[in-house]
PDB file of N, CA and C in Angstrom:
ATOM      1  N   MET A   1      13.879  52.488 -99.275  1.00  0.00           N
ATOM      2  CA  MET A   1      12.916  52.551 -98.212  1.00  0.00           C
ATOM      3  C   MET A   1      12.088  51.259 -98.219  1.00  0.00           C
ATOM      4  N   PRO A   2      12.011  50.544 -97.061  1.00  0.00           N
ATOM      5  CA  PRO A   2      11.267  49.286 -97.017  1.00  0.00           C
ATOM      6  C   PRO A   2       9.766  49.514 -97.131  1.00  0.00           C
ATOM      7  N   ILE A   3       9.100  48.525 -97.683  1.00  0.00           N
ATOM      8  CA  ILE A   3       7.652  48.589 -97.842  1.00  0.00           C
ATOM      9  C   ILE A   3       7.008  48.346 -96.489  1.00  0.00           C
ATOM     10  N   ARG A   4       6.094  49.220 -96.133  1.00  0.00           N
ATOM     11  CA  ARG A   4       5.429  49.081 -94.843  1.00  0.00           C
ATOM     12  C   ARG A   4       4.400  47.949 -94.881  1.00  0.00           C
ATOM     13  N   GLY A   5       4.204  47.302 -93.752  1.00  0.00           N
ATOM     14  CA  GLY A   5       3.189  46.257 -93.667  1.00  0.00           C
ATOM     15  C   GLY A   5       3.754  44.856 -93.885  1.00  0.00           C
ATOM     16  N   LYS A   6       4.899  44.751 -94.532  1.00  0.00           N
ATOM     17  CA  LYS A   6       5.498  43.433 -94.744  1.00  0.00           C
ATOM     18  C   LYS A   6       6.707  43.300 -93.839  1.00  0.00           C
ATOM     19  N   LYS A   7       6.735  42.195 -93.114  1.00  0.00           N
ATOM     20  CA  LYS A   7       7.883  41.917 -92.259  1.00  0.00           C
ATOM     21  C   LYS A   7       8.727  40.850 -92.937  1.00  0.00           C
ATOM     22  N   GLU A   8       9.981  40.922 -92.676  1.00  0.00           N
ATOM     23  CA  GLU A   8      10.857  39.879 -93.220  1.00  0.00           C
ATOM     24  C   GLU A   8      10.580  38.581 -92.470  1.00  0.00           C
ATOM     25  N   SER A   9      10.422  37.492 -93.214  1.00  0.00           N
ATOM     26  CA  SER A   9      10.143  36.208 -92.565  1.00  0.00           C
ATOM     27  C   SER A   9      11.449  35.557 -92.141  1.00  0.00           C
ATOM     28  N   LYS A  10      11.410  34.985 -90.968  1.00  0.00           N
ATOM     29  CA  LYS A  10      12.581  34.261 -90.492  1.00  0.00           C
ATOM     30  C   LYS A  10      12.362  32.783 -90.803  1.00  0.00           C
ATOM     31  N   GLN A  11      13.345  32.199 -91.387  1.00  0.00           N
ATOM     32  CA  GLN A  11      13.240  30.795 -91.754  1.00  0.00           C
ATOM     33  C   GLN A  11      13.755  29.951 -90.594  1.00  0.00           C
ATOM     34  N   ARG A  12      12.941  29.005 -90.148  1.00  0.00           N
ATOM     35  CA  ARG A  12      13.334  28.132 -89.043  1.00  0.00           C
ATOM     36  C   ARG A  12      14.210  27.015 -89.558  1.00  0.00           C
ATOM     37  N   VAL A  13      15.206  26.698 -88.794  1.00  0.00           N
ATOM     38  CA  VAL A  13      16.098  25.604 -89.146  1.00  0.00           C
ATOM     39  C   VAL A  13      15.656  24.380 -88.357  1.00  0.00           C
ATOM     40  N   ILE A  14      15.351  23.311 -89.064  1.00  0.00           N
ATOM     41  CA  ILE A  14      14.919  22.070 -88.433  1.00  0.00           C
ATOM     42  C   ILE A  14      16.057  21.072 -88.551  1.00  0.00           C
ATOM     43  N   LYS A  15      16.495  20.580 -87.406  1.00  0.00           N
ATOM     44  CA  LYS A  15      17.587  19.608 -87.409  1.00  0.00           C
ATOM     45  C   LYS A  15      17.040  18.227 -87.728  1.00  0.00           C
ATOM     46  N   SER A  16      17.764  17.495 -88.523  1.00  0.00           N
ATOM     47  CA  SER A  16      17.360  16.123 -88.807  1.00  0.00           C
ATOM     48  C   SER A  16      17.860  15.232 -87.671  1.00  0.00           C
ATOM     49  N   PRO A  17      17.225  14.080 -87.436  1.00  0.00           N
ATOM     50  CA  PRO A  17      17.647  13.195 -86.355  1.00  0.00           C
ATOM     51  C   PRO A  17      19.085  12.698 -86.520  1.00  0.00           C
ATOM     52  N   GLN A  18      19.565  12.614 -87.750  1.00  0.00           N
ATOM     53  CA  GLN A  18      20.912  12.124 -87.981  1.00  0.00           C
ATOM     54  C   GLN A  18      21.961  13.091 -87.448  1.00  0.00           C
ATOM     55  N   THR A  19      21.671  14.375 -87.428  1.00  0.00           N
ATOM     56  CA  THR A  19      22.650  15.357 -86.990  1.00  0.00           C
ATOM     57  C   THR A  19      22.475  15.749 -85.533  1.00  0.00           C
ATOM     58  N   SER A  20      21.526  15.128 -84.831  1.00  0.00           N
ATOM     59  CA  SER A  20      21.267  15.526 -83.456  1.00  0.00           C
ATOM     60  C   SER A  20      22.282  14.955 -82.479  1.00  0.00           C
ATOM     61  N   GLY A  21      23.096  13.992 -82.910  1.00  0.00           N
ATOM     62  CA  GLY A  21      24.070  13.388 -82.017  1.00  0.00           C
ATOM     63  C   GLY A  21      23.501  12.257 -81.188  1.00  0.00           C
ATOM     64  N   ARG A  22      22.276  11.906 -81.419  1.00  0.00           N
ATOM     65  CA  ARG A  22      21.610  10.844 -80.668  1.00  0.00           C
ATOM     66  C   ARG A  22      22.174   9.509 -81.113  1.00  0.00           C
ATOM     67  N   THR A  23      22.555   8.656 -80.153  1.00  0.00           N
ATOM     68  CA  THR A  23      23.181   7.386 -80.511  1.00  0.00           C
ATOM     69  C   THR A  23      22.250   6.194 -80.370  1.00  0.00           C
ATOM     70  N   THR A  24      21.242   6.259 -79.491  1.00  0.00           N
ATOM     71  CA  THR A  24      20.340   5.124 -79.329  1.00  0.00           C
ATOM     72  C   THR A  24      19.237   5.187 -80.362  1.00  0.00           C
ATOM     73  N   ARG A  25      18.744   4.019 -80.736  1.00  0.00           N
ATOM     74  CA  ARG A  25      17.714   3.950 -81.768  1.00  0.00           C
ATOM     75  C   ARG A  25      16.389   3.443 -81.216  1.00  0.00           C
ATOM     76  N   GLY A  26      16.269   3.247 -79.913  1.00  0.00           N
ATOM     77  CA  GLY A  26      15.027   2.771 -79.333  1.00  0.00           C
ATOM     78  C   GLY A  26      14.932   1.257 -79.347  1.00  0.00           C
ATOM     79  N   ALA A  27      13.856   0.737 -78.784  1.00  0.00           N
ATOM     80  CA  ALA A  27      13.685  -0.707 -78.648  1.00  0.00           C
ATOM     81  C   ALA A  27      13.513  -1.403 -79.995  1.00  0.00           C
ATOM     82  N   ILE A  28      12.768  -0.799 -80.894  1.00  0.00           N
ATOM     83  CA  ILE A  28      12.510  -1.437 -82.185  1.00  0.00           C
ATOM     84  C   ILE A  28      13.749  -1.387 -83.073  1.00  0.00           C
ATOM     85  N   GLY A  29      14.515  -0.327 -82.986  1.00  0.00           N
ATOM     86  CA  GLY A  29      15.663  -0.152 -83.861  1.00  0.00           C
ATOM     87  C   GLY A  29      16.962  -0.718 -83.324  1.00  0.00           C
ATOM     88  N   GLY A  30      16.979  -1.140 -82.056  1.00  0.00           N
ATOM     89  CA  GLY A  30      18.196  -1.677 -81.472  1.00  0.00           C
ATOM     90  C   GLY A  30      18.606  -2.979 -82.130  1.00  0.00           C
ATOM     91  N   VAL A  31      19.909  -3.226 -82.207  1.00  0.00           N
ATOM     92  CA  VAL A  31      20.414  -4.435 -82.873  1.00  0.00           C
ATOM     93  C   VAL A  31      20.390  -5.598 -81.898  1.00  0.00           C
ATOM     94  N   VAL A  32      19.835  -6.715 -82.342  1.00  0.00           N
ATOM     95  CA  VAL A  32      19.755  -7.946 -81.551  1.00  0.00           C
ATOM     96  C   VAL A  32      20.266  -9.116 -82.392  1.00  0.00           C
ATOM     97  N   THR A  33      20.593 -10.199 -81.704  1.00  0.00           N
ATOM     98  CA  THR A  33      21.041 -11.414 -82.378  1.00  0.00           C
ATOM     99  C   THR A  33      20.015 -12.510 -82.123  1.00  0.00           C
ATOM    100  N   PRO A  34      19.499 -13.149 -83.165  1.00  0.00           N
ATOM    101  CA  PRO A  34      18.517 -14.222 -82.951  1.00  0.00           C
ATOM    102  C   PRO A  34      19.171 -15.491 -82.415  1.00  0.00           C
ATOM    103  N   THR A  35      18.414 -16.244 -81.614  1.00  0.00           N
ATOM    104  CA  THR A  35      18.880 -17.544 -81.138  1.00  0.00           C
ATOM    105  C   THR A  35      18.908 -18.513 -82.321  1.00  0.00           C
ATOM    106  N   PRO A  36      19.582 -19.654 -82.180  1.00  0.00           N
ATOM    107  CA  PRO A  36      19.603 -20.624 -83.287  1.00  0.00           C
ATOM    108  C   PRO A  36      18.206 -21.076 -83.737  1.00  0.00           C
ATOM    109  N   GLU A  37      17.257 -21.172 -82.800  1.00  0.00           N
ATOM    110  CA  GLU A  37      15.894 -21.587 -83.162  1.00  0.00           C
ATOM    111  C   GLU A  37      15.240 -20.551 -84.081  1.00  0.00           C
ATOM    112  N   LEU A  38      15.393 -19.275 -83.729  1.00  0.00           N
ATOM    113  CA  LEU A  38      14.796 -18.212 -84.538  1.00  0.00           C
ATOM    114  C   LEU A  38      15.600 -17.965 -85.810  1.00  0.00           C
ATOM    115  N   ALA A  39      16.891 -18.277 -85.774  1.00  0.00           N
ATOM    116  CA  ALA A  39      17.753 -18.056 -86.937  1.00  0.00           C
ATOM    117  C   ALA A  39      17.316 -18.893 -88.143  1.00  0.00           C
ATOM    118  N   HIS A  40      16.610 -20.004 -87.909  1.00  0.00           N
ATOM    119  CA  HIS A  40      16.076 -20.804 -89.024  1.00  0.00           C
ATOM    120  C   HIS A  40      15.094 -19.988 -89.863  1.00  0.00           C
ATOM    121  N   ILE A  41      14.465 -19.011 -89.241  1.00  0.00           N
ATOM    122  CA  ILE A  41      13.431 -18.230 -89.917  1.00  0.00           C
ATOM    123  C   ILE A  41      13.939 -16.877 -90.386  1.00  0.00           C
ATOM    124  N   VAL A  42      14.651 -16.144 -89.519  1.00  0.00           N
ATOM    125  CA  VAL A  42      15.048 -14.769 -89.845  1.00  0.00           C
ATOM    126  C   VAL A  42      16.509 -14.628 -90.241  1.00  0.00           C
ATOM    127  N   GLY A  43      17.285 -15.687 -90.144  1.00  0.00           N
ATOM    128  CA  GLY A  43      18.711 -15.615 -90.460  1.00  0.00           C
ATOM    129  C   GLY A  43      19.528 -15.411 -89.191  1.00  0.00           C
ATOM    130  N   SER A  44      20.820 -15.653 -89.272  1.00  0.00           N
ATOM    131  CA  SER A  44      21.662 -15.608 -88.078  1.00  0.00           C
ATOM    132  C   SER A  44      22.384 -14.284 -87.877  1.00  0.00           C
ATOM    133  N   LYS A  45      22.329 -13.383 -88.835  1.00  0.00           N
ATOM    134  CA  LYS A  45      23.022 -12.102 -88.707  1.00  0.00           C
ATOM    135  C   LYS A  45      22.286 -11.191 -87.733  1.00  0.00           C
ATOM    136  N   PRO A  46      23.016 -10.334 -86.998  1.00  0.00           N
ATOM    137  CA  PRO A  46      22.351  -9.354 -86.124  1.00  0.00           C
ATOM    138  C   PRO A  46      21.458  -8.419 -86.945  1.00  0.00           C
ATOM    139  N   LEU A  47      20.297  -8.093 -86.387  1.00  0.00           N
ATOM    140  CA  LEU A  47      19.343  -7.233 -87.062  1.00  0.00           C
ATOM    141  C   LEU A  47      18.504  -6.516 -86.021  1.00  0.00           C
ATOM    142  N   SER A  48      17.704  -5.561 -86.433  1.00  0.00           N
ATOM    143  CA  SER A  48      16.849  -4.838 -85.496  1.00  0.00           C
ATOM    144  C   SER A  48      15.631  -5.694 -85.142  1.00  0.00           C
ATOM    145  N   ARG A  49      15.009  -5.367 -84.022  1.00  0.00           N
ATOM    146  CA  ARG A  49      13.794  -6.091 -83.619  1.00  0.00           C
ATOM    147  C   ARG A  49      12.702  -5.942 -84.678  1.00  0.00           C
ATOM    148  N   GLY A  50      12.587  -4.756 -85.217  1.00  0.00           N
ATOM    149  CA  GLY A  50      11.577  -4.512 -86.251  1.00  0.00           C
ATOM    150  C   GLY A  50      11.807  -5.366 -87.478  1.00  0.00           C
ATOM    151  N   GLU A  51      13.070  -5.470 -87.897  1.00  0.00           N
ATOM    152  CA  GLU A  51      13.402  -6.295 -89.062  1.00  0.00           C
ATOM    153  C   GLU A  51      13.144  -7.773 -88.765  1.00  0.00           C
ATOM    154  N   ALA A  52      13.452  -8.219 -87.544  1.00  0.00           N
ATOM    155  CA  ALA A  52      13.206  -9.614 -87.169  1.00  0.00           C
ATOM    156  C   ALA A  52      11.714  -9.923 -87.213  1.00  0.00           C
ATOM    157  N   MET A  53      10.889  -9.029 -86.681  1.00  0.00           N
ATOM    158  CA  MET A  53       9.440  -9.252 -86.703  1.00  0.00           C
ATOM    159  C   MET A  53       8.908  -9.206 -88.137  1.00  0.00           C
ATOM    160  N   ARG A  54       9.459  -8.338 -88.955  1.00  0.00           N
ATOM    161  CA  ARG A  54       9.028  -8.258 -90.361  1.00  0.00           C
ATOM    162  C   ARG A  54       9.317  -9.575 -91.085  1.00  0.00           C
ATOM    163  N   LYS A  55      10.527 -10.124 -90.863  1.00  0.00           N
ATOM    164  CA  LYS A  55      10.880 -11.396 -91.508  1.00  0.00           C
ATOM    165  C   LYS A  55      10.026 -12.540 -90.974  1.00  0.00           C
ATOM    166  N   LEU A  56       9.719 -12.500 -89.676  1.00  0.00           N
ATOM    167  CA  LEU A  56       8.868 -13.537 -89.095  1.00  0.00           C
ATOM    168  C   LEU A  56       7.473 -13.487 -89.708  1.00  0.00           C
ATOM    169  N   TRP A  57       6.914 -12.283 -89.887  1.00  0.00           N
ATOM    170  CA  TRP A  57       5.594 -12.160 -90.516  1.00  0.00           C
ATOM    171  C   TRP A  57       5.625 -12.582 -91.978  1.00  0.00           C
ATOM    172  N   GLU A  58       6.710 -12.316 -92.678  1.00  0.00           N
ATOM    173  CA  GLU A  58       6.844 -12.790 -94.062  1.00  0.00           C
ATOM    174  C   GLU A  58       6.778 -14.315 -94.090  1.00  0.00           C
ATOM    175  N   TYR A  59       7.483 -14.956 -93.142  1.00  0.00           N
ATOM    176  CA  TYR A  59       7.491 -16.415 -93.050  1.00  0.00           C
ATOM    177  C   TYR A  59       6.077 -16.939 -92.762  1.00  0.00           C
ATOM    178  N   ILE A  60       5.375 -16.292 -91.819  1.00  0.00           N
ATOM    179  CA  ILE A  60       4.028 -16.728 -91.453  1.00  0.00           C
ATOM    180  C   ILE A  60       3.089 -16.628 -92.649  1.00  0.00           C
ATOM    181  N   ARG A  61       3.163 -15.542 -93.380  1.00  0.00           N
ATOM    182  CA  ARG A  61       2.281 -15.372 -94.544  1.00  0.00           C
ATOM    183  C   ARG A  61       2.659 -16.321 -95.689  1.00  0.00           C
ATOM    184  N   LYS A  62       3.954 -16.501 -95.896  1.00  0.00           N
ATOM    185  CA  LYS A  62       4.418 -17.373 -96.983  1.00  0.00           C
ATOM    186  C   LYS A  62       3.958 -18.813 -96.762  1.00  0.00           C
ATOM    187  N   HIS A  63       3.975 -19.273 -95.514  1.00  0.00           N
ATOM    188  CA  HIS A  63       3.594 -20.646 -95.197  1.00  0.00           C
ATOM    189  C   HIS A  63       2.150 -20.780 -94.728  1.00  0.00           C
ATOM    190  N   ASP A  64       1.354 -19.708 -94.869  1.00  0.00           N
ATOM    191  CA  ASP A  64      -0.074 -19.710 -94.557  1.00  0.00           C
ATOM    192  C   ASP A  64      -0.332 -20.254 -93.147  1.00  0.00           C
ATOM    193  N   LEU A  65       0.310 -19.626 -92.151  1.00  0.00           N
ATOM    194  CA  LEU A  65       0.205 -20.107 -90.777  1.00  0.00           C
ATOM    195  C   LEU A  65      -0.815 -19.341 -89.934  1.00  0.00           C
ATOM    196  N   GLN A  66      -1.522 -18.393 -90.534  1.00  0.00           N
ATOM    197  CA  GLN A  66      -2.587 -17.721 -89.810  1.00  0.00           C
ATOM    198  C   GLN A  66      -3.856 -18.555 -89.888  1.00  0.00           C
ATOM    199  N   ASP A  67      -4.588 -18.625 -88.779  1.00  0.00           N
ATOM    200  CA  ASP A  67      -5.844 -19.352 -88.754  1.00  0.00           C
ATOM    201  C   ASP A  67      -6.819 -18.655 -89.704  1.00  0.00           C
ATOM    202  N   PRO A  68      -7.421 -19.371 -90.650  1.00  0.00           N
ATOM    203  CA  PRO A  68      -8.313 -18.722 -91.614  1.00  0.00           C
ATOM    204  C   PRO A  68      -9.557 -18.092 -90.983  1.00  0.00           C
ATOM    205  N   LYS A  69     -10.043 -18.648 -89.868  1.00  0.00           N
ATOM    206  CA  LYS A  69     -11.238 -18.098 -89.217  1.00  0.00           C
ATOM    207  C   LYS A  69     -10.903 -16.896 -88.343  1.00  0.00           C
ATOM    208  N   ASN A  70      -9.771 -16.941 -87.665  1.00  0.00           N
ATOM    209  CA  ASN A  70      -9.334 -15.846 -86.799  1.00  0.00           C
ATOM    210  C   ASN A  70      -7.889 -15.524 -87.156  1.00  0.00           C
ATOM    211  N   ARG A  71      -7.677 -14.507 -87.974  1.00  0.00           N
ATOM    212  CA  ARG A  71      -6.352 -14.180 -88.519  1.00  0.00           C
ATOM    213  C   ARG A  71      -5.371 -13.732 -87.439  1.00  0.00           C
ATOM    214  N   ARG A  72      -5.854 -13.467 -86.220  1.00  0.00           N
ATOM    215  CA  ARG A  72      -4.962 -13.071 -85.132  1.00  0.00           C
ATOM    216  C   ARG A  72      -4.276 -14.260 -84.475  1.00  0.00           C
ATOM    217  N   VAL A  73      -4.700 -15.462 -84.819  1.00  0.00           N
ATOM    218  CA  VAL A  73      -4.119 -16.678 -84.253  1.00  0.00           C
ATOM    219  C   VAL A  73      -3.085 -17.235 -85.233  1.00  0.00           C
ATOM    220  N   ILE A  74      -1.899 -17.529 -84.709  1.00  0.00           N
ATOM    221  CA  ILE A  74      -0.803 -18.076 -85.511  1.00  0.00           C
ATOM    222  C   ILE A  74      -0.642 -19.546 -85.155  1.00  0.00           C
ATOM    223  N   ARG A  75      -0.648 -20.396 -86.185  1.00  0.00           N
ATOM    224  CA  ARG A  75      -0.454 -21.828 -85.990  1.00  0.00           C
ATOM    225  C   ARG A  75       1.022 -22.152 -86.178  1.00  0.00           C
ATOM    226  N   ALA A  76       1.589 -22.910 -85.272  1.00  0.00           N
ATOM    227  CA  ALA A  76       3.015 -23.228 -85.315  1.00  0.00           C
ATOM    228  C   ALA A  76       3.276 -24.400 -86.248  1.00  0.00           C
ATOM    229  N   ASP A  77       4.341 -24.282 -87.043  1.00  0.00           N
ATOM    230  CA  ASP A  77       4.817 -25.422 -87.821  1.00  0.00           C
ATOM    231  C   ASP A  77       6.070 -25.949 -87.120  1.00  0.00           C
ATOM    232  N   ALA A  78       6.799 -26.843 -87.741  1.00  0.00           N
ATOM    233  CA  ALA A  78       7.968 -27.465 -87.112  1.00  0.00           C
ATOM    234  C   ALA A  78       9.032 -26.432 -86.728  1.00  0.00           C
ATOM    235  N   ASN A  79       9.199 -25.367 -87.511  1.00  0.00           N
ATOM    236  CA  ASN A  79      10.201 -24.347 -87.194  1.00  0.00           C
ATOM    237  C   ASN A  79       9.745 -23.405 -86.081  1.00  0.00           C
ATOM    238  N   LEU A  80       8.450 -23.195 -85.936  1.00  0.00           N
ATOM    239  CA  LEU A  80       7.949 -22.276 -84.912  1.00  0.00           C
ATOM    240  C   LEU A  80       7.696 -22.947 -83.564  1.00  0.00           C
ATOM    241  N   LEU A  81       7.516 -24.261 -83.527  1.00  0.00           N
ATOM    242  CA  LEU A  81       7.236 -24.946 -82.265  1.00  0.00           C
ATOM    243  C   LEU A  81       8.288 -24.682 -81.180  1.00  0.00           C
ATOM    244  N   PRO A  82       9.600 -24.742 -81.494  1.00  0.00           N
ATOM    245  CA  PRO A  82      10.576 -24.441 -80.428  1.00  0.00           C
ATOM    246  C   PRO A  82      10.493 -22.992 -79.942  1.00  0.00           C
ATOM    247  N   ILE A  83      10.150 -22.079 -80.801  1.00  0.00           N
ATOM    248  CA  ILE A  83      10.033 -20.673 -80.419  1.00  0.00           C
ATOM    249  C   ILE A  83       8.782 -20.469 -79.560  1.00  0.00           C
ATOM    250  N   PHE A  84       7.700 -21.143 -79.925  1.00  0.00           N
ATOM    251  CA  PHE A  84       6.431 -21.036 -79.191  1.00  0.00           C
ATOM    252  C   PHE A  84       6.396 -21.946 -77.971  1.00  0.00           C
ATOM    253  N   GLU A  85       7.516 -22.576 -77.636  1.00  0.00           N
ATOM    254  CA  GLU A  85       7.668 -23.467 -76.482  1.00  0.00           C
ATOM    255  C   GLU A  85       6.629 -24.582 -76.470  1.00  0.00           C
ATOM    256  N   GLY A  86       6.387 -25.171 -77.636  1.00  0.00           N
ATOM    257  CA  GLY A  86       5.486 -26.309 -77.756  1.00  0.00           C
ATOM    258  C   GLY A  86       4.030 -25.969 -77.969  1.00  0.00           C
ATOM    259  N   ASN A  87       3.649 -24.708 -77.877  1.00  0.00           N
ATOM    260  CA  ASN A  87       2.259 -24.316 -78.122  1.00  0.00           C
ATOM    261  C   ASN A  87       1.965 -24.397 -79.611  1.00  0.00           C
ATOM    262  N   GLU A  88       0.868 -25.049 -79.958  1.00  0.00           N
ATOM    263  CA  GLU A  88       0.515 -25.195 -81.370  1.00  0.00           C
ATOM    264  C   GLU A  88      -0.145 -23.949 -81.937  1.00  0.00           C
ATOM    265  N   LYS A  89      -0.795 -23.156 -81.087  1.00  0.00           N
ATOM    266  CA  LYS A  89      -1.448 -21.923 -81.531  1.00  0.00           C
ATOM    267  C   LYS A  89      -1.197 -20.833 -80.506  1.00  0.00           C
ATOM    268  N   LEU A  90      -0.943 -19.624 -80.998  1.00  0.00           N
ATOM    269  CA  LEU A  90      -0.790 -18.445 -80.145  1.00  0.00           C
ATOM    270  C   LEU A  90      -1.429 -17.255 -80.834  1.00  0.00           C
ATOM    271  N   SER A  91      -1.908 -16.312 -80.033  1.00  0.00           N
ATOM    272  CA  SER A  91      -2.380 -15.075 -80.653  1.00  0.00           C
ATOM    273  C   SER A  91      -1.147 -14.274 -81.071  1.00  0.00           C
ATOM    274  N   MET A  92      -1.325 -13.348 -81.991  1.00  0.00           N
ATOM    275  CA  MET A  92      -0.186 -12.570 -82.467  1.00  0.00           C
ATOM    276  C   MET A  92       0.426 -11.749 -81.330  1.00  0.00           C
ATOM    277  N   PHE A  93      -0.354 -11.412 -80.313  1.00  0.00           N
ATOM    278  CA  PHE A  93       0.151 -10.646 -79.188  1.00  0.00           C
ATOM    279  C   PHE A  93       0.997 -11.525 -78.274  1.00  0.00           C
ATOM    280  N   GLU A  94       0.562 -12.758 -78.049  1.00  0.00           N
ATOM    281  CA  GLU A  94       1.355 -13.704 -77.262  1.00  0.00           C
ATOM    282  C   GLU A  94       2.639 -14.066 -78.003  1.00  0.00           C
ATOM    283  N   MET A  95       2.549 -14.152 -79.312  1.00  0.00           N
ATOM    284  CA  MET A  95       3.700 -14.532 -80.127  1.00  0.00           C
ATOM    285  C   MET A  95       4.870 -13.573 -79.913  1.00  0.00           C
ATOM    286  N   THR A  96       4.610 -12.292 -79.821  1.00  0.00           N
ATOM    287  CA  THR A  96       5.702 -11.331 -79.668  1.00  0.00           C
ATOM    288  C   THR A  96       6.459 -11.549 -78.365  1.00  0.00           C
ATOM    289  N   ALA A  97       5.768 -11.964 -77.303  1.00  0.00           N
ATOM    290  CA  ALA A  97       6.443 -12.246 -76.033  1.00  0.00           C
ATOM    291  C   ALA A  97       7.377 -13.450 -76.176  1.00  0.00           C
ATOM    292  N   TYR A  98       6.925 -14.482 -76.875  1.00  0.00           N
ATOM    293  CA  TYR A  98       7.762 -15.665 -77.071  1.00  0.00           C
ATOM    294  C   TYR A  98       8.947 -15.357 -77.983  1.00  0.00           C
ATOM    295  N   VAL A  99       8.729 -14.566 -78.999  1.00  0.00           N
ATOM    296  CA  VAL A  99       9.798 -14.218 -79.935  1.00  0.00           C
ATOM    297  C   VAL A  99      10.848 -13.348 -79.242  1.00  0.00           C
ATOM    298  N   SER A 100      10.418 -12.457 -78.346  1.00  0.00           N
ATOM    299  CA  SER A 100      11.350 -11.575 -77.638  1.00  0.00           C
ATOM    300  C   SER A 100      12.378 -12.364 -76.844  1.00  0.00           C
ATOM    301  N   LYS A 101      11.994 -13.527 -76.346  1.00  0.00           N
ATOM    302  CA  LYS A 101      12.931 -14.380 -75.593  1.00  0.00           C
ATOM    303  C   LYS A 101      14.037 -14.910 -76.506  1.00  0.00           C
ATOM    304  N   HIS A 102      13.810 -14.907 -77.804  1.00  0.00           N
ATOM    305  CA  HIS A 102      14.780 -15.449 -78.765  1.00  0.00           C
ATOM    306  C   HIS A 102      15.568 -14.360 -79.474  1.00  0.00           C
ATOM    307  N   LEU A 103      15.445 -13.120 -79.011  1.00  0.00           N
ATOM    308  CA  LEU A 103      16.227 -12.012 -79.560  1.00  0.00           C
ATOM    309  C   LEU A 103      17.172 -11.513 -78.464  1.00  0.00           C
ATOM    310  N   LEU A 104      18.446 -11.828 -78.610  1.00  0.00           N
ATOM    311  CA  LEU A 104      19.442 -11.512 -77.590  1.00  0.00           C
ATOM    312  C   LEU A 104      20.108 -10.178 -77.879  1.00  0.00           C
ATOM    313  N   LYS A 105      20.317  -9.390 -76.831  1.00  0.00           N
ATOM    314  CA  LYS A 105      20.985  -8.096 -76.988  1.00  0.00           C
ATOM    315  C   LYS A 105      22.465  -8.232 -77.165  1.00  0.00           C
TER     316      LYS A 105
END
């Protein structure tokens, strides 16, 4: 005889994204190929946009290219000038627009 007052709990099954059959990975996860100018910094192999931006930020920090007074401003060195289309300084928000032009689908 079952105990009154207690109901059997139903366990919910949660599907993981890997088993959902979804094939697209979104804008950040999509695979892109860098142009030769950007390949000097992030490498020439196809990679995701997120990985390309991560490698670009590693390069910026390694070479101390952030303006010390305003860390949102990126100063271009010889490798970044072609990507920044000759601009010596860009805000980090402007930088992403210029970098996007160098990531080919």
